[in-house]
């Protein structure tokens, strides 16, 4: 449901800015209270088993949003994306800066 649009990093520092585009829901079970917008929350596993909320806001389809990664230098990059209160995507990779802009996260359809 998201596509990477850019990842600005500062060397191997863990404080990278990540920009994603919300593509929209593949299954719509909403009541339409907020139109097509959905509450997006991103929880990041920044070291070991601890998680921290790095983004939470209403996002409309095809809207870009940015958050700052809180990953510790020697830990892998791991985020869980929630749409509404439901887990949508779990992404785990070595680091933020190896994904090119436009890379679809979570498979061919996001």
C-alpha atoms as a PDB file:
ATOM      1  CA  UNK A   1       0.000   0.000   0.000  1.00  0.00           C
ATOM      2  CA  UNK A   2       3.042   2.288   0.046  1.00  0.00           C
ATOM      3  CA  UNK A   3       5.787   3.164  -2.396  1.00  0.00           C
ATOM      4  CA  UNK A   4       9.152   4.680  -1.534  1.00  0.00           C
ATOM      5  CA  UNK A   5       9.617   8.093  -3.107  1.00  0.00           C
ATOM      6  CA  UNK A   6      12.924   9.055  -1.553  1.00  0.00           C
ATOM      7  CA  UNK A   7      15.240   8.307   1.299  1.00  0.00           C
ATOM      8  CA  UNK A   8      17.548  11.121   2.309  1.00  0.00           C
ATOM      9  CA  UNK A   9      20.323   9.789   4.447  1.00  0.00           C
ATOM     10  CA  UNK A  10      23.318  11.314   6.079  1.00  0.00           C
ATOM     11  CA  UNK A  11      26.083   8.771   5.505  1.00  0.00           C
ATOM     12  CA  UNK A  12      25.558   5.744   7.717  1.00  0.00           C
ATOM     13  CA  UNK A  13      23.738   7.828  10.332  1.00  0.00           C
ATOM     14  CA  UNK A  14      20.444   6.363  11.513  1.00  0.00           C
ATOM     15  CA  UNK A  15      18.466   9.632  11.386  1.00  0.00           C
ATOM     16  CA  UNK A  16      17.268   9.312   7.765  1.00  0.00           C
ATOM     17  CA  UNK A  17      14.228  11.083   6.360  1.00  0.00           C
ATOM     18  CA  UNK A  18      11.913   8.594   4.643  1.00  0.00           C
ATOM     19  CA  UNK A  19       9.204   9.721   2.219  1.00  0.00           C
ATOM     20  CA  UNK A  20       6.450   7.284   1.248  1.00  0.00           C
ATOM     21  CA  UNK A  21       3.358   7.572  -0.931  1.00  0.00           C
ATOM     22  CA  UNK A  22       0.155   5.926   0.247  1.00  0.00           C
ATOM     23  CA  UNK A  23      -1.352   4.153  -2.775  1.00  0.00           C
ATOM     24  CA  UNK A  24      -4.753   3.497  -1.218  1.00  0.00           C
ATOM     25  CA  UNK A  25      -6.432   0.478   0.284  1.00  0.00           C
ATOM     26  CA  UNK A  26      -6.777  -2.748  -1.675  1.00  0.00           C
ATOM     27  CA  UNK A  27      -9.955  -3.538   0.314  1.00  0.00           C
ATOM     28  CA  UNK A  28     -12.215  -0.749   1.559  1.00  0.00           C
ATOM     29  CA  UNK A  29     -14.165  -1.531   4.723  1.00  0.00           C
ATOM     30  CA  UNK A  30     -14.427   2.064   5.950  1.00  0.00           C
ATOM     31  CA  UNK A  31     -17.574   4.005   6.723  1.00  0.00           C
ATOM     32  CA  UNK A  32     -16.406   6.990   4.651  1.00  0.00           C
ATOM     33  CA  UNK A  33     -16.363   9.393   7.608  1.00  0.00           C
ATOM     34  CA  UNK A  34     -13.055  10.946   6.445  1.00  0.00           C
ATOM     35  CA  UNK A  35     -13.599  10.416   2.705  1.00  0.00           C
ATOM     36  CA  UNK A  36     -10.804   8.274   1.264  1.00  0.00           C
ATOM     37  CA  UNK A  37      -8.304   9.335   3.946  1.00  0.00           C
ATOM     38  CA  UNK A  38      -7.116   6.689   6.386  1.00  0.00           C
ATOM     39  CA  UNK A  39      -5.264   6.909   9.690  1.00  0.00           C
ATOM     40  CA  UNK A  40      -1.708   5.752   8.937  1.00  0.00           C
ATOM     41  CA  UNK A  41       0.573   4.835  11.824  1.00  0.00           C
ATOM     42  CA  UNK A  42       4.163   3.665  11.424  1.00  0.00           C
ATOM     43  CA  UNK A  43       5.844   1.872  14.298  1.00  0.00           C
ATOM     44  CA  UNK A  44       9.584   1.366  14.015  1.00  0.00           C
ATOM     45  CA  UNK A  45      11.671  -1.257  15.736  1.00  0.00           C
ATOM     46  CA  UNK A  46      14.650   0.992  16.371  1.00  0.00           C
ATOM     47  CA  UNK A  47      16.825  -1.371  18.442  1.00  0.00           C
ATOM     48  CA  UNK A  48      16.309  -4.942  19.468  1.00  0.00           C
ATOM     49  CA  UNK A  49      12.654  -5.455  20.431  1.00  0.00           C
ATOM     50  CA  UNK A  50      11.703  -1.885  21.357  1.00  0.00           C
ATOM     51  CA  UNK A  51       9.278   0.008  19.086  1.00  0.00           C
ATOM     52  CA  UNK A  52       8.522   3.707  18.711  1.00  0.00           C
ATOM     53  CA  UNK A  53       5.804   5.522  16.743  1.00  0.00           C
ATOM     54  CA  UNK A  54       7.535   7.551  14.002  1.00  0.00           C
ATOM     55  CA  UNK A  55       4.409   8.694  12.115  1.00  0.00           C
ATOM     56  CA  UNK A  56       0.672   8.993  12.766  1.00  0.00           C
ATOM     57  CA  UNK A  57      -1.740  11.061  10.690  1.00  0.00           C
ATOM     58  CA  UNK A  58      -4.649  10.958   8.229  1.00  0.00           C
ATOM     59  CA  UNK A  59      -3.373  10.280   4.702  1.00  0.00           C
ATOM     60  CA  UNK A  60      -5.313  10.272   1.418  1.00  0.00           C
ATOM     61  CA  UNK A  61      -4.583   7.954  -1.542  1.00  0.00           C
ATOM     62  CA  UNK A  62      -1.550   9.063  -3.604  1.00  0.00           C
ATOM     63  CA  UNK A  63      -0.495  11.488  -0.853  1.00  0.00           C
ATOM     64  CA  UNK A  64       3.186  11.557   0.169  1.00  0.00           C
ATOM     65  CA  UNK A  65       4.233  11.679   3.804  1.00  0.00           C
ATOM     66  CA  UNK A  66       7.622  11.875   5.500  1.00  0.00           C
ATOM     67  CA  UNK A  67       9.003  10.584   8.773  1.00  0.00           C
ATOM     68  CA  UNK A  68      12.425  10.418  10.379  1.00  0.00           C
ATOM     69  CA  UNK A  69      13.891   6.965  10.959  1.00  0.00           C
ATOM     70  CA  UNK A  70      14.963   6.352  14.553  1.00  0.00           C
ATOM     71  CA  UNK A  71      17.007   3.214  13.777  1.00  0.00           C
ATOM     72  CA  UNK A  72      20.124   2.678  15.854  1.00  0.00           C
ATOM     73  CA  UNK A  73      23.292   2.447  13.762  1.00  0.00           C
ATOM     74  CA  UNK A  74      23.890  -1.311  14.131  1.00  0.00           C
ATOM     75  CA  UNK A  75      20.237  -2.393  14.075  1.00  0.00           C
ATOM     76  CA  UNK A  76      18.273  -3.355  10.931  1.00  0.00           C
ATOM     77  CA  UNK A  77      15.550  -1.062   9.542  1.00  0.00           C
ATOM     78  CA  UNK A  78      12.170  -2.483  10.563  1.00  0.00           C
ATOM     79  CA  UNK A  79       8.778  -0.776  10.350  1.00  0.00           C
ATOM     80  CA  UNK A  80       5.181  -1.895  10.699  1.00  0.00           C
ATOM     81  CA  UNK A  81       2.544   0.130   8.842  1.00  0.00           C
ATOM     82  CA  UNK A  82      -0.971   0.253  10.276  1.00  0.00           C
ATOM     83  CA  UNK A  83      -3.999   1.440   8.305  1.00  0.00           C
ATOM     84  CA  UNK A  84      -6.709   2.353  10.769  1.00  0.00           C
ATOM     85  CA  UNK A  85      -6.108  -0.088  13.600  1.00  0.00           C
ATOM     86  CA  UNK A  86      -5.136  -2.995  11.321  1.00  0.00           C
ATOM     87  CA  UNK A  87      -1.565  -4.024  10.542  1.00  0.00           C
ATOM     88  CA  UNK A  88      -1.059  -3.703   6.771  1.00  0.00           C
ATOM     89  CA  UNK A  89       2.660  -4.119   6.047  1.00  0.00           C
ATOM     90  CA  UNK A  90       5.773  -5.259   7.902  1.00  0.00           C
ATOM     91  CA  UNK A  91       9.034  -4.195   6.280  1.00  0.00           C
ATOM     92  CA  UNK A  92      12.425  -5.354   7.472  1.00  0.00           C
ATOM     93  CA  UNK A  93      15.646  -4.613   5.614  1.00  0.00           C
ATOM     94  CA  UNK A  94      19.280  -3.839   6.319  1.00  0.00           C
ATOM     95  CA  UNK A  95      19.005  -0.067   6.047  1.00  0.00           C
ATOM     96  CA  UNK A  96      16.985   2.841   4.672  1.00  0.00           C
ATOM     97  CA  UNK A  97      19.309   4.106   1.968  1.00  0.00           C
ATOM     98  CA  UNK A  98      19.467   1.001  -0.261  1.00  0.00           C
ATOM     99  CA  UNK A  99      15.945   1.507  -1.680  1.00  0.00           C
ATOM    100  CA  UNK A 100      15.706   3.616  -4.830  1.00  0.00           C
ATOM    101  CA  UNK A 101      12.966   6.224  -5.255  1.00  0.00           C
ATOM    102  CA  UNK A 102       9.858   4.601  -6.758  1.00  0.00           C
ATOM    103  CA  UNK A 103      10.590   1.178  -5.267  1.00  0.00           C
ATOM    104  CA  UNK A 104       7.314  -0.504  -4.267  1.00  0.00           C
ATOM    105  CA  UNK A 105       7.530  -1.811  -0.716  1.00  0.00           C
ATOM    106  CA  UNK A 106       5.797  -5.064   0.197  1.00  0.00           C
ATOM    107  CA  UNK A 107       5.693  -6.769  -3.214  1.00  0.00           C
ATOM    108  CA  UNK A 108       4.533  -5.857  -6.729  1.00  0.00           C
ATOM    109  CA  UNK A 109       1.257  -4.276  -5.608  1.00  0.00           C
ATOM    110  CA  UNK A 110       2.509  -2.685  -2.384  1.00  0.00           C
END
